[in-house]
C-alpha atoms as a PDB file:
ATOM      1  CA  ASN A   1      16.325  15.414 -14.648  1.00  0.00           C
ATOM      2  CA  LEU A   2      18.934  15.262 -12.390  1.00  0.00           C
ATOM      3  CA  LEU A   3      18.871  18.506  -9.895  1.00  0.00           C
ATOM      4  CA  ILE A   4      22.136  19.282  -7.651  1.00  0.00           C
ATOM      5  CA  TYR A   5      21.219  21.341  -5.146  1.00  0.00           C
ATOM      6  CA  ASN A   6      24.883  21.460  -3.306  1.00  0.00           C
ATOM      7  CA  LYS A   7      27.494  18.974  -2.511  1.00  0.00           C
ATOM      8  CA  ASN A   8      25.531  17.146  -0.285  1.00  0.00           C
ATOM      9  CA  LYS A   9      22.256  16.919  -1.517  1.00  0.00           C
ATOM     10  CA  ILE A  10      20.913  15.195  -5.166  1.00  0.00           C
ATOM     11  CA  ALA A  11      17.454  14.976  -6.792  1.00  0.00           C
ATOM     12  CA  LEU A  12      16.074  12.492  -9.590  1.00  0.00           C
ATOM     13  CA  GLU A  13      12.761  13.744 -11.173  1.00  0.00           C
ATOM     14  CA  ILE A  14      11.298  10.768 -13.385  1.00  0.00           C
ATOM     15  CA  ASP A  15       7.918  11.376 -14.850  1.00  0.00           C
ATOM     16  CA  VAL A  16       6.499   8.052 -16.965  1.00  0.00           C
ATOM     17  CA  LEU A  17       3.298   8.837 -19.362  1.00  0.00           C
ATOM     18  CA  SER A  18       1.346   5.553 -18.447  1.00  0.00           C
ATOM     19  CA  ARG A  19      -1.757   4.206 -20.483  1.00  0.00           C
ATOM     20  CA  PHE A  20      -5.202   3.342 -19.197  1.00  0.00           C
ATOM     21  CA  THR A  21      -4.994   3.769 -15.342  1.00  0.00           C
ATOM     22  CA  ASN A  22      -1.596   2.439 -14.967  1.00  0.00           C
ATOM     23  CA  SER A  23       0.749   5.066 -12.888  1.00  0.00           C
ATOM     24  CA  SER A  24       3.663   5.471 -11.250  1.00  0.00           C
ATOM     25  CA  SER A  25       5.017   8.229  -9.163  1.00  0.00           C
ATOM     26  CA  ALA A  26       8.361   8.654  -7.290  1.00  0.00           C
ATOM     27  CA  ILE A  27      10.421  11.096  -4.763  1.00  0.00           C
ATOM     28  CA  PHE A  28      13.244  11.074  -3.443  1.00  0.00           C
ATOM     29  CA  GLY A  29      15.652  12.854  -1.234  1.00  0.00           C
ATOM     30  CA  ILE A  30      19.549  12.054  -0.107  1.00  0.00           C
ATOM     31  CA  ASN A  31      21.478  13.556   2.615  1.00  0.00           C
ATOM     32  CA  LYS A  32      24.501  13.056   4.597  1.00  0.00           C
ATOM     33  CA  ASN A  33      24.617  13.123   8.142  1.00  0.00           C
ATOM     34  CA  SER A  34      28.250  13.093   9.583  1.00  0.00           C
ATOM     35  CA  LYS A  35      29.301   9.687   7.754  1.00  0.00           C
ATOM     36  CA  SER A  36      26.487   7.754   6.093  1.00  0.00           C
ATOM     37  CA  TRP A  37      24.209   8.698   3.654  1.00  0.00           C
ATOM     38  CA  ASN A  38      20.288   8.514   4.075  1.00  0.00           C
ATOM     39  CA  LEU A  39      17.791   8.073   1.809  1.00  0.00           C
ATOM     40  CA  ASN A  40      14.211   9.321   2.354  1.00  0.00           C
ATOM     41  CA  GLY A  41      11.232   9.579  -0.017  1.00  0.00           C
ATOM     42  CA  GLU A  42       8.325   7.891  -1.822  1.00  0.00           C
ATOM     43  CA  PHE A  43       7.645   5.467  -4.537  1.00  0.00           C
ATOM     44  CA  ASN A  44       4.093   4.601  -5.755  1.00  0.00           C
ATOM     45  CA  LEU A  45       3.436   2.103  -8.717  1.00  0.00           C
ATOM     46  CA  GLN A  46      -0.229   1.213  -9.716  1.00  0.00           C
ATOM     47  CA  ILE A  47      -0.316  -1.738 -12.491  1.00  0.00           C
ATOM     48  CA  GLU A  48      -3.906  -2.820 -13.993  1.00  0.00           C
ATOM     49  CA  ASN A  49      -5.418  -5.644 -16.059  1.00  0.00           C
ATOM     50  CA  TYR A  50      -1.809  -6.435 -17.069  1.00  0.00           C
ATOM     51  CA  ILE A  51      -2.725 -10.082 -18.109  1.00  0.00           C
ATOM     52  CA  ARG A  52      -6.251  -9.097 -18.833  1.00  0.00           C
ATOM     53  CA  GLN A  53      -7.675 -10.334 -15.994  1.00  0.00           C
ATOM     54  CA  ALA A  54      -8.930  -7.117 -14.554  1.00  0.00           C
ATOM     55  CA  GLU A  55      -6.092  -7.385 -11.993  1.00  0.00           C
ATOM     56  CA  VAL A  56      -4.427  -4.681  -9.409  1.00  0.00           C
ATOM     57  CA  PHE A  57      -1.069  -4.707  -8.359  1.00  0.00           C
ATOM     58  CA  ILE A  58      -0.055  -1.577  -6.239  1.00  0.00           C
ATOM     59  CA  ILE A  59       3.036  -1.074  -4.544  1.00  0.00           C
ATOM     60  CA  ASN A  60       3.468   2.155  -2.365  1.00  0.00           C
ATOM     61  CA  TRP A  61       6.745   2.717  -0.087  1.00  0.00           C
ATOM     62  CA  LYS A  62       7.240   6.336   1.739  1.00  0.00           C
ATOM     63  CA  LYS A  63      10.271   7.395   4.078  1.00  0.00           C
ATOM     64  CA  ILE A  64       9.841  10.377   5.617  1.00  0.00           C
ATOM     65  CA  ASP A  65      12.739  10.509   7.825  1.00  0.00           C
ATOM     66  CA  SER A  66      15.395   7.780   9.514  1.00  0.00           C
ATOM     67  CA  LEU A  67      13.269   6.946  12.159  1.00  0.00           C
ATOM     68  CA  SER A  68       9.826   5.805  10.145  1.00  0.00           C
ATOM     69  CA  GLN A  69       8.946   4.018   6.661  1.00  0.00           C
ATOM     70  CA  LYS A  70       6.131   2.531   5.363  1.00  0.00           C
ATOM     71  CA  LEU A  71       5.585  -0.507   2.521  1.00  0.00           C
ATOM     72  CA  ASN A  72       2.413  -1.707   1.415  1.00  0.00           C
ATOM     73  CA  PHE A  73       1.288  -4.086  -1.365  1.00  0.00           C
ATOM     74  CA  ASP A  74      -2.035  -4.660  -2.942  1.00  0.00           C
ATOM     75  CA  ILE A  75      -2.790  -7.630  -5.079  1.00  0.00           C
ATOM     76  CA  LEU A  76      -6.248  -8.369  -6.371  1.00  0.00           C
ATOM     77  CA  PHE A  77      -7.497 -10.838  -9.041  1.00  0.00           C
ATOM     78  CA  PRO A  78     -11.249 -10.044  -9.478  1.00  0.00           C
ATOM     79  CA  HIS A  79     -11.851 -12.963 -11.959  1.00  0.00           C
ATOM     80  CA  PRO A  80      -9.289 -15.652 -11.673  1.00  0.00           C
ATOM     81  CA  PHE A  81      -9.936 -17.907 -14.665  1.00  0.00           C
ATOM     82  CA  GLY A  82     -12.841 -16.325 -15.658  1.00  0.00           C
ATOM     83  CA  TYR A  83     -14.521 -17.097 -12.285  1.00  0.00           C
ATOM     84  CA  SER A  84     -16.539 -14.802 -10.329  1.00  0.00           C
ATOM     85  CA  THR A  85     -15.138 -14.818  -6.883  1.00  0.00           C
ATOM     86  CA  GLY A  86     -11.671 -13.317  -6.912  1.00  0.00           C
ATOM     87  CA  ILE A  87      -8.658 -13.073  -4.466  1.00  0.00           C
ATOM     88  CA  HIS A  88      -6.984 -10.271  -2.610  1.00  0.00           C
ATOM     89  CA  TRP A  89      -4.100  -9.978  -0.964  1.00  0.00           C
ATOM     90  CA  LYS A  90      -2.704  -6.963   1.314  1.00  0.00           C
ATOM     91  CA  TYR A  91       0.408  -6.959   2.898  1.00  0.00           C
ATOM     92  CA  ASN A  92       1.725  -3.496   5.174  1.00  0.00           C
ATOM     93  CA  PHE A  93       4.998  -3.459   7.086  1.00  0.00           C
ATOM     94  CA  GLU A  94       5.791  -0.015   8.851  1.00  0.00           C
ATOM     95  CA  THR A  95       8.868   0.920  11.327  1.00  0.00           C
ATOM     96  CA  VAL A  96       7.568   3.530  13.610  1.00  0.00           C
ATOM     97  CA  ASP A  97       9.996   6.478  15.500  1.00  0.00           C
ATOM     98  CA  ASN A  98      12.525   3.285  15.355  1.00  0.00           C
ATOM     99  CA  MET A  99      10.826   1.955  18.584  1.00  0.00           C
ATOM    100  CA  TYR A 100       8.473  -0.747  16.770  1.00  0.00           C
ATOM    101  CA  THR A 101       7.768  -2.645  13.885  1.00  0.00           C
ATOM    102  CA  LYS A 102       3.870  -3.433  12.682  1.00  0.00           C
ATOM    103  CA  GLU A 103       3.409  -6.046  10.144  1.00  0.00           C
ATOM    104  CA  LYS A 104      -0.407  -6.814   8.732  1.00  0.00           C
ATOM    105  CA  LYS A 105      -1.457  -9.629   6.299  1.00  0.00           C
ATOM    106  CA  GLU A 106      -5.010  -9.485   4.719  1.00  0.00           C
ATOM    107  CA  TYR A 107      -6.060 -12.304   2.623  1.00  0.00           C
ATOM    108  CA  SER A 108      -9.829 -12.624   1.222  1.00  0.00           C
ATOM    109  CA  LEU A 109     -11.931 -13.759  -1.432  1.00  0.00           C
ATOM    110  CA  LYS A 110     -14.036 -10.895  -2.951  1.00  0.00           C
ATOM    111  CA  SER A 111     -17.085 -11.507  -5.129  1.00  0.00           C
ATOM    112  CA  PHE A 112     -19.889  -9.365  -6.761  1.00  0.00           C
ATOM    113  CA  PHE A 113     -23.482  -9.273  -5.757  1.00  0.00           C
ATOM    114  CA  PRO A 114     -25.937  -7.239  -7.548  1.00  0.00           C
ATOM    115  CA  ILE A 115     -27.655  -5.345  -4.696  1.00  0.00           C
ATOM    116  CA  ILE A 116     -24.678  -5.118  -1.911  1.00  0.00           C
ATOM    117  CA  ASN A 117     -22.347  -4.660  -4.920  1.00  0.00           C
ATOM    118  CA  ASN A 118     -18.685  -5.960  -3.393  1.00  0.00           C
ATOM    119  CA  LEU A 119     -18.751  -8.601  -0.697  1.00  0.00           C
ATOM    120  CA  GLU A 120     -15.407  -9.731   0.800  1.00  0.00           C
ATOM    121  CA  LEU A 121     -14.541 -12.533   3.558  1.00  0.00           C
ATOM    122  CA  GLY A 122     -11.145 -12.903   4.418  1.00  0.00           C
ATOM    123  CA  TYR A 123      -8.331 -13.808   7.490  1.00  0.00           C
ATOM    124  CA  VAL A 124      -5.844 -11.286   8.797  1.00  0.00           C
ATOM    125  CA  ILE A 125      -2.791 -11.748  10.964  1.00  0.00           C
ATOM    126  CA  GLY A 126      -0.581  -9.140  12.606  1.00  0.00           C
ATOM    127  CA  SER A 127       1.929  -8.315  14.916  1.00  0.00           C
ATOM    128  CA  THR A 128       3.914  -5.307  16.429  1.00  0.00           C
ATOM    129  CA  SER A 129       7.733  -6.194  17.422  1.00  0.00           C
ATOM    130  CA  PRO A 130       9.750  -3.712  19.593  1.00  0.00           C
ATOM    131  CA  THR A 131      12.982  -2.751  17.848  1.00  0.00           C
ATOM    132  CA  SER A 132      16.209  -2.883  20.079  1.00  0.00           C
ATOM    133  CA  LYS A 133      15.448   0.675  21.207  1.00  0.00           C
ATOM    134  CA  GLY A 134      12.018  -0.205  21.822  1.00  0.00           C
ATOM    135  CA  LYS A 135      13.093  -3.087  23.976  1.00  0.00           C
ATOM    136  CA  GLN A 136      14.940  -0.558  25.992  1.00  0.00           C
ATOM    137  CA  ASN A 137      11.630   1.521  26.595  1.00  0.00           C
ATOM    138  CA  ASP A 138       9.757  -1.657  27.549  1.00  0.00           C
ATOM    139  CA  PHE A 139       7.706  -2.241  24.224  1.00  0.00           C
ATOM    140  CA  LYS A 140       6.669  -5.609  24.179  1.00  0.00           C
ATOM    141  CA  LYS A 141       5.994  -8.029  21.151  1.00  0.00           C
ATOM    142  CA  SER A 142       1.866  -8.594  20.452  1.00  0.00           C
ATOM    143  CA  THR A 143      -0.011 -10.399  17.482  1.00  0.00           C
ATOM    144  CA  PHE A 144      -3.334 -10.649  16.214  1.00  0.00           C
ATOM    145  CA  GLN A 145      -5.531 -12.884  14.232  1.00  0.00           C
ATOM    146  CA  ALA A 146      -8.917 -11.365  13.084  1.00  0.00           C
ATOM    147  CA  PHE A 147     -11.753 -12.378  10.434  1.00  0.00           C
ATOM    148  CA  LEU A 148     -12.681  -9.888   7.528  1.00  0.00           C
ATOM    149  CA  PHE A 149     -15.880  -8.851   6.799  1.00  0.00           C
ATOM    150  CA  LYS A 150     -16.191  -5.767   3.849  1.00  0.00           C
ATOM    151  CA  ILE A 151     -19.031  -4.612   2.062  1.00  0.00           C
ATOM    152  CA  SER A 152     -18.518  -1.545  -0.552  1.00  0.00           C
ATOM    153  CA  LYS A 153     -20.695  -0.282  -2.954  1.00  0.00           C
ATOM    154  CA  ASP A 154     -19.311   1.932  -5.667  1.00  0.00           C
ATOM    155  CA  ASN A 155     -21.859   3.702  -8.314  1.00  0.00           C
ATOM    156  CA  ARG A 156     -19.591   6.663  -9.343  1.00  0.00           C
ATOM    157  CA  ASN A 157     -19.292   7.200 -13.215  1.00  0.00           C
ATOM    158  CA  LYS A 158     -15.430   8.022 -13.212  1.00  0.00           C
ATOM    159  CA  ARG A 159     -12.976   5.971 -10.992  1.00  0.00           C
ATOM    160  CA  PHE A 160     -11.025   9.208 -10.871  1.00  0.00           C
ATOM    161  CA  LEU A 161     -13.017  12.426 -10.675  1.00  0.00           C
ATOM    162  CA  ALA A 162     -16.166  11.120 -10.597  1.00  0.00           C
ATOM    163  CA  THR A 163     -18.763  13.872 -11.112  1.00  0.00           C
ATOM    164  CA  ASN A 164     -21.932  11.429 -10.077  1.00  0.00           C
ATOM    165  CA  GLY A 165     -22.507   8.690  -7.780  1.00  0.00           C
ATOM    166  CA  SER A 166     -21.265   7.472  -4.907  1.00  0.00           C
ATOM    167  CA  PHE A 167     -18.801   5.459  -2.974  1.00  0.00           C
ATOM    168  CA  SER A 168     -19.025   3.418   0.984  1.00  0.00           C
ATOM    169  CA  SER A 169     -17.324   0.802   2.588  1.00  0.00           C
ATOM    170  CA  ASN A 170     -17.954  -0.836   5.539  1.00  0.00           C
ATOM    171  CA  GLU A 171     -15.194  -3.207   7.299  1.00  0.00           C
ATOM    172  CA  ILE A 172     -15.433  -5.567  10.328  1.00  0.00           C
END
């Protein structure tokens, strides 16, 4: 559906019926401030088991105004080539109030153990960098590195709208 609100605003609505637990959703808004167009909105895509390895691929993008936006990728291959230990990669990027950017990458190995359920060991690296406006306000660049240790247990009867069971996750 293409919706025209007035001569400066337009909206596009797309509904996609998906199979399994794959999903996508989006909402976009375009407006014109003085001489330039501004795109705001949100886009979410989740694809699972596409190559039959129980993998998960997630993309999330969100821009709520002209000063801030977020972009996230999450890729999990839990059983590559039939192994019981998988690979997990996350990437997060965010612009905050047009003052600085935050970037964080997580690389980890994820495995299943009978009593504790999921165990994840990995490495995290990231930075916070000022924009030119942030430098004018004395923001400084910083970086960080860390080891990741995560235990999660999920014994719910359904992934979505569960009626029984529990989920817990602890991360250091």
